[in-house]
Structures are given as structure tokens and as C-alpha cells.
Amino acid sequence: MKKILVSIIVCLKDEIESIDSCVSGFQNFELPSNTDYEIIFIDGMSTDGTYEKVEKIARFNDKISLIRNKKVFQVFGINKGIEYSSGDYILWLGAHAIYPKDYLKILLDTAEESNADYIGGIVETVPWDSSYSASIVQAISTHIFGVAIIEASSCAKPVVVSNVGGLPEVVENNVSGLVVPPRNPQKTADALEKLILDEKLRVKIGNNGRERVRKMYNWNNNVKQMLEIYGRF
């Protein structure tokens, strides 16, 4: 019987501290007897020695491949990994996450049983430490779609969001909030300062946000729209 091959794609940049636990976690996955895997690391031009460390590990493990992503950004890395992969299934994982031993087996079983094209697991973001900044990162990264932003807007609170994920979908820039470039502390600080110094603007944006939530995120209407979309297929 031909074995099922799973291609594990890992996009990373400057993750040298996570590499050992990452590789160890993948190697400890519980696999059905008819399943094998390959690990494809896509390095986004790391400068901390990540590439060299993975390269060294790959010399002694023929299941591991390493590719440079000169375009740096993850979306290009994922495409490069998919192009390079040869598996029946593709599993996209992060280098700094911790996965249960049965994670891959559960995904495979679910895919086989449901015949679904896309299977995922539940992500729990854990703060790095007990600091306030770690708690903020945990809260923000847990709600990529923008649930926390919708909750704040519903209370007429002005918001500042990064232009990533679903955040710009739930915030109309300069109307119901301020949208800033990702990973740009200066632009973020400028936006916060703008709101702090202008009470009228804070109130206006907060009220606009509440009205936007009232119009766009009515539970009954959202369910109706969802059912209509599923009904097309």
C-alpha cells in the first residue's frame, strides 16, 4: 500500500530559539502506519543564525529541506513551499507554536472522514510571560479577525489597528478608527497621540464605530447572509 505523504511547511524568520523544540515536536507526532512526512522550512532571510542552524539539522535528516525566501514575506514563502512540496496533504505550521502529539493524526483522520479540502485546529495563544505587554500581544493575536475591535467599537471606543488580517475589514480608516502600517511603532504612536490630543475626534470616531457595528454586525442578519452564501454551493 502506498504511504500517504504529508508536507509540513514552516515559514520562519529569526526563530533560532524555537528551532530545536519545533523540529522535536514534529518528529514526535503520532502517525498512522500508512503515513510519512517531509518538513520544508522556508527562511525569510533570517539574520540571527536561523538559516544556518536549520541547514545543519537538515544535513543529518533527509526528511528536512530548507529554502530561502528572498521576498521575506510569509505569503511568498507559503507559495514557494507549496511549489516545492510533494505530499498528498500540505500542513502549514508555525515554528514557535507547540502542538499536541496527536495533532497531525487528528487532522488526517478528520480530512479522510469529512473529505474536506481544508482542515485546521484550535489555536490557543499563550503569553510569553506575566508582563502587561505580553498580555496585549496575546489578546491581539488571539483575535485576528477583529472581534476585540468590534467589541470596543460597539462601546463607542475609538480604535487603532494594524493593516493586517481581518482588522482593516472591520475598521474604516479615519471614519470608525485609524489604520496604521503593520510593525510600525512610530505610526502607531502617532495615531494614538492624535486621538489622545483631540477629544472631538475621539468621540466622533467612537460614535462612528458604534454605528458601523450596529449596521454591519447584527447577529440575525449575519446568520442570514451566511446561510445565503452556503446555499449557493
Protein backbone atom coordinates (compact mmCIF):
# COMPACT_ATOMS: atom_id res chain seq x y z
CA MET A 1 0.00 0.00 0.00
CA LYS A 2 1.33 3.43 -0.99
CA LYS A 3 2.04 5.62 2.01
CA ILE A 4 0.30 8.96 2.46
CA LEU A 5 2.85 11.76 2.46
CA VAL A 6 2.28 14.94 4.46
CA SER A 7 4.32 18.01 3.53
CA ILE A 8 4.83 20.19 6.62
CA ILE A 9 5.59 23.76 5.54
CA VAL A 10 7.16 26.07 8.11
CA CYS A 11 7.79 29.73 7.25
CA LEU A 12 10.20 31.34 9.65
CA LYS A 13 12.44 34.34 10.19
CA ASP A 14 14.80 34.88 13.11
CA GLU A 15 13.44 31.91 15.05
CA ILE A 16 16.75 30.44 16.24
CA GLU A 17 15.47 29.96 19.81
CA SER A 18 12.49 27.91 18.61
CA ILE A 19 14.15 25.56 16.09
CA ASP A 20 15.09 22.66 18.38
CA SER A 21 11.68 22.41 20.07
CA CYS A 22 9.98 22.90 16.70
CA VAL A 23 11.79 20.01 15.00
CA SER A 24 11.47 17.81 18.09
CA GLY A 25 7.72 18.45 18.22
CA PHE A 26 7.24 17.47 14.59
CA GLN A 27 9.30 14.31 15.00
CA ASN A 28 7.15 13.29 17.98
CA PHE A 29 3.89 13.44 16.01
CA GLU A 30 1.87 10.24 16.26
CA LEU A 31 1.41 8.92 12.73
CA PRO A 32 -0.77 6.17 11.27
CA SER A 33 1.31 3.28 9.92
CA ASN A 34 0.50 4.28 6.32
CA THR A 35 1.70 7.86 6.72
CA ASP A 36 5.05 9.60 6.33
CA TYR A 37 6.06 13.26 6.32
CA GLU A 38 8.55 15.78 4.97
CA ILE A 39 9.40 19.13 6.60
CA ILE A 40 10.04 22.13 4.37
CA PHE A 41 11.49 25.14 6.16
CA ILE A 42 11.11 28.43 4.27
CA ASP A 43 13.50 31.01 5.71
CA GLY A 44 12.62 34.68 5.17
CA MET A 45 16.23 35.92 5.16
CA SER A 46 16.96 35.45 8.86
CA THR A 47 19.83 37.39 10.39
CA ASP A 48 20.12 35.61 13.75
CA GLY A 49 21.58 32.31 12.53
CA THR A 50 18.26 30.54 11.98
CA TYR A 51 19.09 29.54 8.40
CA GLU A 52 22.48 28.11 9.36
CA LYS A 53 21.01 26.15 12.27
CA VAL A 54 18.27 24.55 10.16
CA GLU A 55 20.83 23.86 7.43
CA LYS A 56 22.95 21.96 9.94
CA ILE A 57 19.97 19.92 11.16
CA ALA A 58 18.93 19.13 7.58
CA ARG A 59 22.36 17.58 6.85
CA PHE A 60 21.52 14.75 9.24
CA ASN A 61 17.82 14.37 8.43
CA ASP A 62 16.71 13.59 4.91
CA LYS A 63 13.10 14.46 5.78
CA ILE A 64 14.04 18.14 6.21
CA SER A 65 14.50 20.62 3.37
CA LEU A 66 15.49 24.28 3.58
CA ILE A 67 14.63 27.03 1.10
CA ARG A 68 15.42 30.74 1.13
CA ASN A 69 12.54 33.15 0.68
CA LYS A 70 14.24 36.23 -0.73
CA LYS A 71 10.92 38.08 -0.81
CA VAL A 72 10.84 37.73 3.00
CA PHE A 73 7.06 37.94 3.48
CA GLN A 74 5.23 34.80 4.57
CA VAL A 75 2.75 34.72 1.71
CA PHE A 76 5.60 34.27 -0.78
CA GLY A 77 7.15 31.64 1.45
CA ILE A 78 3.97 29.60 1.60
CA ASN A 79 3.66 29.63 -2.19
CA LYS A 80 7.29 28.58 -2.54
CA GLY A 81 6.74 25.76 -0.05
CA ILE A 82 3.65 24.50 -1.85
CA GLU A 83 5.55 24.56 -5.15
CA TYR A 84 8.38 22.55 -3.64
CA SER A 85 6.20 20.05 -1.75
CA SER A 86 5.37 16.56 -2.95
CA GLY A 87 2.86 15.46 -0.31
CA ASP A 88 -0.71 14.25 -0.63
CA TYR A 89 -1.55 16.73 2.13
CA ILE A 90 0.04 20.06 2.98
CA LEU A 91 0.26 21.13 6.63
CA TRP A 92 1.22 24.73 7.34
CA LEU A 93 2.67 25.17 10.84
CA GLY A 94 4.48 27.86 12.82
CA ALA A 95 7.97 27.47 14.24
CA HIS A 96 7.19 28.98 17.64
CA ALA A 97 3.99 27.05 18.37
CA ILE A 98 3.56 23.89 20.45
CA TYR A 99 1.44 21.08 19.01
CA PRO A 100 -0.07 18.01 20.73
CA LYS A 101 1.44 14.68 19.69
CA ASP A 102 -1.85 13.60 18.13
CA TYR A 103 -2.38 16.88 16.22
CA LEU A 104 -1.37 15.56 12.80
CA LYS A 105 -3.25 12.27 13.29
CA ILE A 106 -6.45 14.12 14.21
CA LEU A 107 -6.14 16.34 11.14
CA LEU A 108 -5.60 13.34 8.86
CA ASP A 109 -8.50 11.38 10.36
CA THR A 110 -10.80 14.39 10.03
CA ALA A 111 -9.74 15.00 6.42
CA GLU A 112 -10.38 11.37 5.49
CA GLU A 113 -13.73 11.22 7.27
CA SER A 114 -15.08 14.55 6.02
CA ASN A 115 -13.42 14.65 2.59
CA ALA A 116 -12.80 18.34 3.32
CA ASP A 117 -10.21 20.35 1.40
CA TYR A 118 -9.11 22.42 4.38
CA ILE A 119 -8.74 21.25 7.97
CA GLY A 120 -7.47 23.24 10.95
CA GLY A 121 -7.15 23.08 14.70
CA ILE A 122 -7.92 25.35 17.63
CA VAL A 123 -5.16 27.85 18.38
CA GLU A 124 -4.53 28.94 21.95
CA THR A 125 -2.22 31.94 22.22
CA VAL A 126 -0.25 31.80 25.47
CA PRO A 127 1.54 34.91 26.83
CA TRP A 128 5.34 34.62 26.88
CA ASP A 129 5.44 35.86 30.46
CA SER A 130 3.30 37.72 33.03
CA SER A 131 4.08 41.21 31.71
CA TYR A 132 1.41 43.61 30.54
CA SER A 133 2.93 43.80 27.04
CA ALA A 134 2.80 40.00 26.70
CA SER A 135 -0.88 40.07 27.66
CA ILE A 136 -1.56 42.70 24.99
CA VAL A 137 0.17 40.63 22.31
CA GLN A 138 -1.82 37.58 23.42
CA ALA A 139 -5.12 39.46 23.19
CA ILE A 140 -4.38 40.98 19.79
CA SER A 141 -3.07 37.79 18.18
CA THR A 142 -6.00 35.75 19.51
CA HIS A 143 -8.50 37.89 17.60
CA ILE A 144 -7.01 38.19 14.11
CA PHE A 145 -10.45 38.81 12.55
CA GLY A 146 -11.05 41.74 14.85
CA VAL A 147 -13.57 40.53 17.45
CA ALA A 148 -11.94 42.66 20.14
CA ILE A 149 -12.11 45.67 17.82
CA ILE A 150 -15.81 45.13 17.16
CA GLU A 151 -16.42 44.85 20.89
CA ALA A 152 -14.57 48.13 21.52
CA SER A 153 -16.39 49.91 18.70
CA SER A 154 -19.75 48.70 19.99
CA CYS A 155 -18.93 50.62 23.17
CA ALA A 156 -18.16 53.75 21.12
CA LYS A 157 -14.44 53.50 21.83
CA PRO A 158 -12.02 54.83 19.16
CA VAL A 159 -9.64 52.15 17.90
CA VAL A 160 -6.21 51.93 16.26
CA VAL A 161 -5.46 48.78 14.26
CA SER A 162 -2.68 47.42 12.05
CA ASN A 163 -3.34 46.82 8.38
CA VAL A 164 -3.17 43.02 8.72
CA GLY A 165 -5.59 40.11 8.66
CA GLY A 166 -9.25 40.99 9.00
CA LEU A 167 -8.61 44.16 11.01
CA PRO A 168 -8.93 46.61 8.09
CA GLU A 169 -12.17 44.85 7.14
CA VAL A 170 -13.84 45.81 10.40
CA VAL A 171 -12.42 49.35 10.59
CA GLU A 172 -13.00 52.09 8.04
CA ASN A 173 -9.84 54.19 8.15
CA ASN A 174 -10.31 57.72 9.51
CA VAL A 175 -14.02 57.04 9.97
CA SER A 176 -14.54 54.31 12.56
CA GLY A 177 -10.89 54.00 13.55
CA LEU A 178 -7.32 54.61 12.48
CA VAL A 179 -5.47 52.01 10.39
CA VAL A 180 -1.67 52.02 10.57
CA PRO A 181 1.03 50.02 8.74
CA PRO A 182 2.00 46.74 10.46
CA ARG A 183 5.12 46.63 12.65
CA ASN A 184 5.44 50.40 12.59
CA PRO A 185 5.73 51.68 16.19
CA GLN A 186 6.10 55.30 15.11
CA LYS A 187 2.90 55.34 13.04
CA THR A 188 1.08 53.55 15.85
CA ALA A 189 2.32 56.11 18.39
CA ASP A 190 1.33 58.97 16.06
CA ALA A 191 -2.20 57.58 15.72
CA LEU A 192 -2.59 57.14 19.48
CA GLU A 193 -1.26 60.64 20.11
CA LYS A 194 -3.68 62.05 17.56
CA LEU A 195 -6.62 60.53 19.42
CA ILE A 196 -5.32 61.47 22.87
CA LEU A 197 -4.93 65.13 21.91
CA ASP A 198 -8.23 65.52 20.07
CA GLU A 199 -11.30 64.79 22.19
CA LYS A 200 -13.74 65.70 19.41
CA LEU A 201 -12.04 63.25 17.06
CA ARG A 202 -12.14 60.50 19.72
CA VAL A 203 -15.86 60.98 20.25
CA LYS A 204 -16.58 61.18 16.53
CA ILE A 205 -14.64 58.03 15.65
CA GLY A 206 -16.10 56.18 18.64
CA ASN A 207 -19.67 57.04 17.63
CA ASN A 208 -18.96 56.15 14.00
CA GLY A 209 -17.60 52.80 15.12
CA ARG A 210 -20.69 52.06 17.20
CA GLU A 211 -22.96 52.91 14.27
CA ARG A 212 -20.88 50.71 11.95
CA VAL A 213 -21.18 47.76 14.32
CA ARG A 214 -24.93 48.34 14.66
CA LYS A 215 -25.39 48.27 10.87
CA MET A 216 -22.94 45.55 9.87
CA TYR A 217 -22.79 43.09 12.78
CA ASN A 218 -26.38 42.33 13.65
CA TRP A 219 -26.38 38.67 14.64
CA ASN A 220 -29.61 37.71 12.84
CA ASN A 221 -28.55 39.46 9.64
CA ASN A 222 -25.10 37.87 9.71
CA VAL A 223 -26.55 34.37 10.11
CA LYS A 224 -28.98 35.02 7.26
CA GLN A 225 -26.14 36.20 5.00
CA MET A 226 -24.06 33.17 5.90
CA LEU A 227 -26.87 30.75 5.08
CA GLU A 228 -27.43 32.50 1.75
CA ILE A 229 -23.75 32.12 0.87
CA TYR A 230 -23.67 28.41 1.82
CA GLY A 231 -26.88 27.93 -0.18
CA ARG A 232 -25.08 28.81 -3.40
CA PHE A 233 -22.91 25.70 -3.24
